[in-house]
Amino acid sequence: MDDLWAALGLVLVIEGALYALFPDGMRNVLRRSLELPAAAVRAAGIVGAGSGLVVIWLIRG
């Protein structure tokens, strides 16, 4: 359970750093993402989640 909290904390650190370092760039990314069809957003989410699972599987073996 500690690993889960550490991973969630790391996600918040990375995401917060992106918004702090590149606020205009993040606004542009969010604005462009609103123009994408739902299927593209869903596909990106599936690919991201799948990639995360593969990384965890490789690390945890």
N, C-alpha and C. Protein backbone atom coordinates (compact mmCIF):
# COMPACT_ATOMS: atom_id res chain seq x y z
N MET A 1 0.82 -1.20 0.00
CA MET A 1 0.00 0.00 0.00
C MET A 1 0.86 1.25 0.00
N ASP A 2 2.03 1.16 0.64
CA ASP A 2 2.94 2.31 0.65
C ASP A 2 3.41 2.66 -0.76
N ASP A 3 3.61 1.62 -1.59
CA ASP A 3 4.02 1.87 -2.97
C ASP A 3 2.96 2.65 -3.74
N LEU A 4 1.70 2.33 -3.49
CA LEU A 4 0.61 3.04 -4.16
C LEU A 4 0.63 4.52 -3.81
N TRP A 5 0.77 4.83 -2.52
CA TRP A 5 0.80 6.23 -2.10
C TRP A 5 2.02 6.95 -2.65
N ALA A 6 3.16 6.26 -2.69
CA ALA A 6 4.37 6.86 -3.25
C ALA A 6 4.19 7.14 -4.73
N ALA A 7 3.56 6.21 -5.45
CA ALA A 7 3.33 6.41 -6.88
C ALA A 7 2.38 7.57 -7.14
N LEU A 8 1.31 7.66 -6.36
CA LEU A 8 0.37 8.77 -6.52
C LEU A 8 1.04 10.10 -6.19
N GLY A 9 1.87 10.11 -5.17
CA GLY A 9 2.62 11.33 -4.84
C GLY A 9 3.55 11.74 -5.95
N LEU A 10 4.22 10.77 -6.57
CA LEU A 10 5.12 11.07 -7.68
C LEU A 10 4.36 11.62 -8.88
N VAL A 11 3.18 11.09 -9.15
CA VAL A 11 2.35 11.62 -10.23
C VAL A 11 2.01 13.08 -9.96
N LEU A 12 1.65 13.41 -8.73
CA LEU A 12 1.32 14.79 -8.39
C LEU A 12 2.53 15.71 -8.52
N VAL A 13 3.70 15.23 -8.12
CA VAL A 13 4.92 16.03 -8.25
C VAL A 13 5.22 16.32 -9.71
N ILE A 14 5.16 15.30 -10.55
CA ILE A 14 5.47 15.48 -11.97
C ILE A 14 4.45 16.38 -12.64
N GLU A 15 3.18 16.15 -12.38
CA GLU A 15 2.14 16.98 -13.00
C GLU A 15 2.24 18.42 -12.50
N GLY A 16 2.46 18.60 -11.22
CA GLY A 16 2.61 19.95 -10.68
C GLY A 16 3.81 20.66 -11.27
N ALA A 17 4.90 19.94 -11.46
CA ALA A 17 6.09 20.54 -12.06
C ALA A 17 5.82 20.99 -13.49
N LEU A 18 5.07 20.19 -14.24
CA LEU A 18 4.74 20.59 -15.61
C LEU A 18 3.94 21.88 -15.64
N TYR A 19 2.95 21.99 -14.77
CA TYR A 19 2.14 23.21 -14.72
C TYR A 19 2.95 24.39 -14.22
N ALA A 20 3.86 24.18 -13.29
CA ALA A 20 4.67 25.27 -12.75
C ALA A 20 5.72 25.75 -13.75
N LEU A 21 6.33 24.81 -14.47
CA LEU A 21 7.41 25.18 -15.39
C LEU A 21 6.91 25.63 -16.75
N PHE A 22 5.79 25.08 -17.21
CA PHE A 22 5.28 25.37 -18.55
C PHE A 22 3.79 25.70 -18.52
N PRO A 23 3.37 26.76 -17.82
CA PRO A 23 1.93 27.04 -17.70
C PRO A 23 1.26 27.32 -19.04
N ASP A 24 1.91 28.07 -19.91
CA ASP A 24 1.30 28.36 -21.21
C ASP A 24 1.22 27.11 -22.08
N GLY A 25 2.26 26.31 -22.04
CA GLY A 25 2.26 25.06 -22.80
C GLY A 25 1.18 24.11 -22.33
N MET A 26 0.98 24.02 -21.03
CA MET A 26 -0.07 23.14 -20.51
C MET A 26 -1.45 23.65 -20.88
N ARG A 27 -1.63 24.96 -20.89
CA ARG A 27 -2.92 25.51 -21.33
C ARG A 27 -3.18 25.15 -22.79
N ASN A 28 -2.14 25.25 -23.61
CA ASN A 28 -2.30 24.90 -25.02
C ASN A 28 -2.65 23.42 -25.19
N VAL A 29 -1.99 22.58 -24.42
CA VAL A 29 -2.27 21.14 -24.49
C VAL A 29 -3.72 20.86 -24.10
N LEU A 30 -4.17 21.48 -23.01
CA LEU A 30 -5.55 21.27 -22.56
C LEU A 30 -6.55 21.80 -23.59
N ARG A 31 -6.25 22.95 -24.17
CA ARG A 31 -7.14 23.54 -25.17
C ARG A 31 -7.25 22.62 -26.40
N ARG A 32 -6.09 22.11 -26.84
CA ARG A 32 -6.11 21.22 -28.01
C ARG A 32 -6.79 19.89 -27.70
N SER A 33 -6.66 19.42 -26.46
CA SER A 33 -7.29 18.14 -26.12
C SER A 33 -8.81 18.24 -26.16
N LEU A 34 -9.35 19.43 -25.92
CA LEU A 34 -10.80 19.60 -26.00
C LEU A 34 -11.32 19.45 -27.42
N GLU A 35 -10.46 19.65 -28.40
CA GLU A 35 -10.86 19.54 -29.80
C GLU A 35 -10.80 18.10 -30.32
N LEU A 36 -10.18 17.22 -29.57
CA LEU A 36 -10.05 15.83 -30.01
C LEU A 36 -11.37 15.09 -29.83
N PRO A 37 -11.65 14.14 -30.72
CA PRO A 37 -12.85 13.31 -30.52
C PRO A 37 -12.68 12.41 -29.30
N ALA A 38 -13.79 12.03 -28.72
CA ALA A 38 -13.77 11.19 -27.51
C ALA A 38 -13.01 9.89 -27.74
N ALA A 39 -13.12 9.33 -28.93
CA ALA A 39 -12.44 8.06 -29.22
C ALA A 39 -10.92 8.22 -29.14
N ALA A 40 -10.41 9.36 -29.58
CA ALA A 40 -8.97 9.59 -29.53
C ALA A 40 -8.50 9.75 -28.08
N VAL A 41 -9.28 10.45 -27.28
CA VAL A 41 -8.94 10.62 -25.87
C VAL A 41 -8.98 9.26 -25.16
N ARG A 42 -9.99 8.47 -25.47
CA ARG A 42 -10.12 7.14 -24.88
C ARG A 42 -8.93 6.26 -25.28
N ALA A 43 -8.56 6.30 -26.56
CA ALA A 43 -7.43 5.49 -27.04
C ALA A 43 -6.14 5.91 -26.35
N ALA A 44 -5.93 7.21 -26.19
CA ALA A 44 -4.73 7.68 -25.50
C ALA A 44 -4.72 7.21 -24.04
N GLY A 45 -5.87 7.22 -23.40
CA GLY A 45 -5.97 6.74 -22.02
C GLY A 45 -5.66 5.26 -21.92
N ILE A 46 -6.16 4.48 -22.86
CA ILE A 46 -5.92 3.04 -22.85
C ILE A 46 -4.44 2.75 -23.09
N VAL A 47 -3.83 3.47 -24.04
CA VAL A 47 -2.40 3.28 -24.31
C VAL A 47 -1.57 3.68 -23.09
N GLY A 48 -1.92 4.80 -22.46
CA GLY A 48 -1.19 5.24 -21.27
C GLY A 48 -1.31 4.25 -20.12
N ALA A 49 -2.52 3.78 -19.87
CA ALA A 49 -2.73 2.81 -18.80
C ALA A 49 -2.01 1.49 -19.10
N GLY A 50 -2.10 1.06 -20.34
CA GLY A 50 -1.41 -0.17 -20.73
C GLY A 50 0.10 -0.05 -20.60
N SER A 51 0.63 1.10 -21.00
CA SER A 51 2.07 1.33 -20.87
C SER A 51 2.49 1.32 -19.40
N GLY A 52 1.69 1.93 -18.56
CA GLY A 52 1.98 1.92 -17.13
C GLY A 52 1.98 0.52 -16.56
N LEU A 53 1.02 -0.29 -16.98
CA LEU A 53 0.97 -1.68 -16.51
C LEU A 53 2.20 -2.47 -16.95
N VAL A 54 2.64 -2.24 -18.18
CA VAL A 54 3.83 -2.93 -18.68
C VAL A 54 5.06 -2.52 -17.87
N VAL A 55 5.19 -1.23 -17.59
CA VAL A 55 6.33 -0.76 -16.79
C VAL A 55 6.30 -1.40 -15.40
N ILE A 56 5.14 -1.42 -14.77
CA ILE A 56 5.02 -2.03 -13.44
C ILE A 56 5.36 -3.52 -13.51
N TRP A 57 4.86 -4.18 -14.54
CA TRP A 57 5.12 -5.61 -14.70
C TRP A 57 6.61 -5.88 -14.88
N LEU A 58 7.29 -5.03 -15.67
CA LEU A 58 8.73 -5.20 -15.89
C LEU A 58 9.52 -4.94 -14.61
N ILE A 59 9.12 -3.93 -13.85
CA ILE A 59 9.84 -3.59 -12.63
C ILE A 59 9.60 -4.63 -11.54
N ARG A 60 8.35 -5.02 -11.38
CA ARG A 60 7.98 -5.95 -10.31
C ARG A 60 8.27 -7.40 -10.66
N GLY A 61 8.33 -7.67 -11.98
CA GLY A 61 8.66 -8.98 -12.49
C GLY A 61 7.87 -10.06 -11.89
